[in-house]
Amino acid sequence: MSTGDALSSVEEVRAFVEGLGGVLTLAPGPGDGTPELAWGDLFFYEAPDGVLPPGQPFATVVTKDYPGEPASGLDGEGAFRVNVGAAAEELARWSAAAEDVPPTARDVVMPHPTYAAQGWLCVVEPGPASTAALRALLVSAHARARSRRERRAAARSGDG
C-alpha cells in the first residue's frame, strides 16, 4: 500500500497499522469470551512478542456506536470510526482545527466525542481529506506505544 492510498475501509486501516510492525491486533468475535458489543471492532497494541501488554491499545476501530457515547452515526453498512491515542500537542492542534465539528462528521480528524480528555482523536469514515493526517497520527501513536514498552522493559531489567 503506498502512502497516498486512502484508509477508507476497516481492512485498509488494519493493514496499515499492522504494517507498522510489532502490532498485536485483537479482533473480538463470537466464541472468544468477549462481550458481543465489541464483536467486529479492532484493538491495536504494540506487542512484538504477541503478548497483550498492560494498558490501553494505541488505536482502535469501532463499527458501531457504543451506549453512553454521543452517536457518530455508525449504524450504516460499512460505517466505522478510527480512534487514536494522541500526544498532547496533536490533541491540541486537532481539537482547535475541529472546533464545532459534530461527532457525525465524516473524513475529519476531531477529538473523540467521549475520550478526548484522555487524549484520543478520531476519524469517522476516513477518506481522502483525512488520510495523510490519520496515517501520521497512527505512526505517532505506535511510536509512543513502542517507547512505553521499551521504558517498561528497561525498568524491569534495571537499566532504567
Protein backbone atom coordinates (compact mmCIF):
# COMPACT_ATOMS: atom_id res chain seq x y z
CA MET A 1 0.00 0.00 0.00
CA SER A 2 1.51 3.34 -0.96
CA THR A 3 1.43 6.30 1.39
CA GLY A 4 -1.15 8.02 -0.81
CA ASP A 5 -3.75 5.25 -0.51
CA ALA A 6 -6.83 6.17 1.46
CA LEU A 7 -7.68 4.37 4.67
CA SER A 8 -11.30 4.10 3.63
CA SER A 9 -12.11 0.61 4.90
CA VAL A 10 -11.55 -1.32 8.11
CA GLU A 11 -9.31 -3.72 6.18
CA GLU A 12 -7.14 -0.86 4.84
CA VAL A 13 -6.75 0.61 8.33
CA ARG A 14 -5.86 -2.80 9.75
CA ALA A 15 -3.28 -3.47 7.02
CA PHE A 16 -1.66 -0.07 7.53
CA VAL A 17 -1.48 -0.39 11.33
CA GLU A 18 -0.21 -3.96 11.24
CA GLY A 19 2.36 -2.87 8.66
CA LEU A 20 3.93 -0.60 11.29
CA GLY A 21 5.44 -3.73 12.82
CA GLY A 22 5.16 -5.35 16.21
CA VAL A 23 1.40 -4.86 16.35
CA LEU A 24 -0.93 -7.25 18.14
CA THR A 25 -4.47 -6.89 16.85
CA LEU A 26 -7.37 -8.09 18.97
CA ALA A 27 -10.46 -8.74 16.86
CA PRO A 28 -13.25 -9.83 19.22
CA GLY A 29 -15.83 -12.20 17.85
CA PRO A 30 -18.30 -14.94 18.73
CA GLY A 31 -16.96 -17.69 20.94
CA ASP A 32 -13.89 -15.88 22.27
CA GLY A 33 -15.42 -14.76 25.56
CA THR A 34 -15.59 -11.07 24.68
CA PRO A 35 -18.78 -9.03 25.08
CA GLU A 36 -20.95 -9.11 21.96
CA LEU A 37 -20.82 -5.32 21.82
CA ALA A 38 -17.10 -5.49 20.89
CA TRP A 39 -17.53 -8.01 18.08
CA GLY A 40 -16.36 -6.61 14.78
CA ASP A 41 -14.14 -3.96 16.38
CA LEU A 42 -10.31 -3.94 16.37
CA PHE A 43 -7.89 -3.07 19.17
CA PHE A 44 -4.24 -2.38 18.25
CA TYR A 45 -1.40 -2.87 20.74
CA GLU A 46 2.35 -2.50 20.27
CA ALA A 47 3.43 -6.01 21.27
CA PRO A 48 6.17 -7.56 19.11
CA ASP A 49 6.21 -10.65 21.35
CA GLY A 50 2.49 -11.20 20.73
CA VAL A 51 1.70 -10.86 24.45
CA LEU A 52 -1.05 -8.43 25.38
CA PRO A 53 0.66 -5.53 27.18
CA PRO A 54 -0.79 -3.67 30.16
CA GLY A 55 -2.86 -0.60 29.48
CA GLN A 56 -4.93 0.67 26.62
CA PRO A 57 -4.46 0.00 22.91
CA PHE A 58 -2.78 2.79 20.93
CA ALA A 59 -5.61 2.76 18.37
CA THR A 60 -8.97 1.10 17.78
CA VAL A 61 -11.54 0.70 15.05
CA VAL A 62 -15.18 0.60 16.12
CA THR A 63 -18.03 -0.42 13.86
CA LYS A 64 -20.99 0.71 15.90
CA ASP A 65 -21.98 3.47 18.29
CA TYR A 66 -21.40 2.47 21.90
CA PRO A 67 -24.04 3.07 24.59
CA GLY A 68 -23.41 6.19 26.63
CA GLU A 69 -21.37 7.93 23.92
CA PRO A 70 -22.55 10.62 21.53
CA ALA A 71 -23.59 8.92 18.31
CA SER A 72 -21.12 9.02 15.44
CA GLY A 73 -23.69 7.63 13.01
CA LEU A 74 -22.10 4.21 12.77
CA ASP A 75 -25.40 2.43 12.15
CA GLY A 76 -24.95 2.31 8.36
CA GLU A 77 -23.46 -0.62 6.45
CA GLY A 78 -19.67 -0.40 6.47
CA ALA A 79 -19.54 2.64 8.76
CA PHE A 80 -16.64 2.77 11.20
CA ARG A 81 -14.56 5.13 13.32
CA VAL A 82 -10.81 5.02 13.87
CA ASN A 83 -9.76 6.14 17.37
CA VAL A 84 -6.14 7.08 18.01
CA GLY A 85 -4.30 7.87 21.22
CA ALA A 86 -2.68 11.26 20.61
CA ALA A 87 0.18 13.23 22.07
CA ALA A 88 -0.86 16.42 23.89
CA GLU A 89 0.29 18.69 21.05
CA GLU A 90 -1.58 16.57 18.47
CA LEU A 91 -4.73 16.66 20.56
CA ALA A 92 -4.49 20.44 20.97
CA ARG A 93 -3.85 21.01 17.27
CA TRP A 94 -6.70 18.83 16.02
CA SER A 95 -9.11 19.95 18.73
CA ALA A 96 -8.63 23.56 17.68
CA ALA A 97 -8.98 22.65 14.00
CA ALA A 98 -12.18 20.70 14.64
CA GLU A 99 -13.92 23.17 16.93
CA ASP A 100 -17.70 22.95 16.36
CA VAL A 101 -17.39 19.75 14.27
CA PRO A 102 -20.23 17.35 15.17
CA PRO A 103 -19.33 13.75 16.12
CA THR A 104 -21.13 12.54 12.99
CA ALA A 105 -18.80 14.43 10.61
CA ARG A 106 -17.10 12.18 8.07
CA ASP A 107 -13.47 12.22 6.92
CA VAL A 108 -12.40 14.79 9.54
CA VAL A 109 -9.83 14.43 12.33
CA MET A 110 -11.56 15.50 15.54
CA PRO A 111 -11.43 14.98 19.28
CA HIS A 112 -13.06 11.73 20.35
CA PRO A 113 -16.63 12.57 21.43
CA THR A 114 -16.15 10.83 24.79
CA TYR A 115 -12.42 10.28 25.35
CA ALA A 116 -10.79 13.49 24.15
CA ALA A 117 -9.91 14.39 27.74
CA GLN A 118 -7.94 11.13 27.93
CA GLY A 119 -6.00 12.07 24.79
CA TRP A 120 -7.99 10.42 21.99
CA LEU A 121 -8.70 11.71 18.50
CA CYS A 122 -10.90 10.01 15.92
CA VAL A 123 -11.99 9.96 12.31
CA VAL A 124 -15.40 8.69 11.24
CA GLU A 125 -15.22 7.00 7.85
CA PRO A 126 -11.74 8.19 6.85
CA GLY A 127 -11.24 9.23 3.25
CA PRO A 128 -9.06 11.47 1.11
CA ALA A 129 -9.34 14.55 3.33
CA SER A 130 -8.11 12.77 6.48
CA THR A 131 -5.81 10.01 5.20
CA ALA A 132 -2.45 11.79 5.49
CA ALA A 133 -3.23 13.10 8.98
CA LEU A 134 -4.64 9.76 10.13
CA ARG A 135 -1.55 7.90 8.89
CA ALA A 136 0.71 10.35 10.75
CA LEU A 137 -1.35 10.04 13.94
CA LEU A 138 -1.26 6.24 13.78
CA VAL A 139 2.51 6.23 13.23
CA SER A 140 2.96 8.63 16.15
CA ALA A 141 0.68 6.60 18.46
CA HIS A 142 2.53 3.40 17.55
CA ALA A 143 5.91 5.04 18.24
CA ARG A 144 4.73 6.27 21.66
CA ALA A 145 3.42 2.79 22.50
CA ARG A 146 6.76 1.29 21.49
CA SER A 147 8.61 3.82 23.63
CA ARG A 148 6.38 2.99 26.64
CA ARG A 149 7.04 -0.73 26.18
CA GLU A 150 10.80 -0.15 25.92
CA ARG A 151 10.80 2.01 29.07
CA ARG A 152 8.87 -0.67 30.99
CA ALA A 153 11.30 -3.35 29.79
CA ALA A 154 14.31 -1.24 30.79
CA ALA A 155 12.81 -0.58 34.23
CA ARG A 156 12.19 -4.32 34.76
CA SER A 157 15.78 -5.16 33.77
CA GLY A 158 17.22 -2.43 35.99
CA ASP A 159 18.50 -0.37 33.05
CA GLY A 160 16.09 2.48 33.62
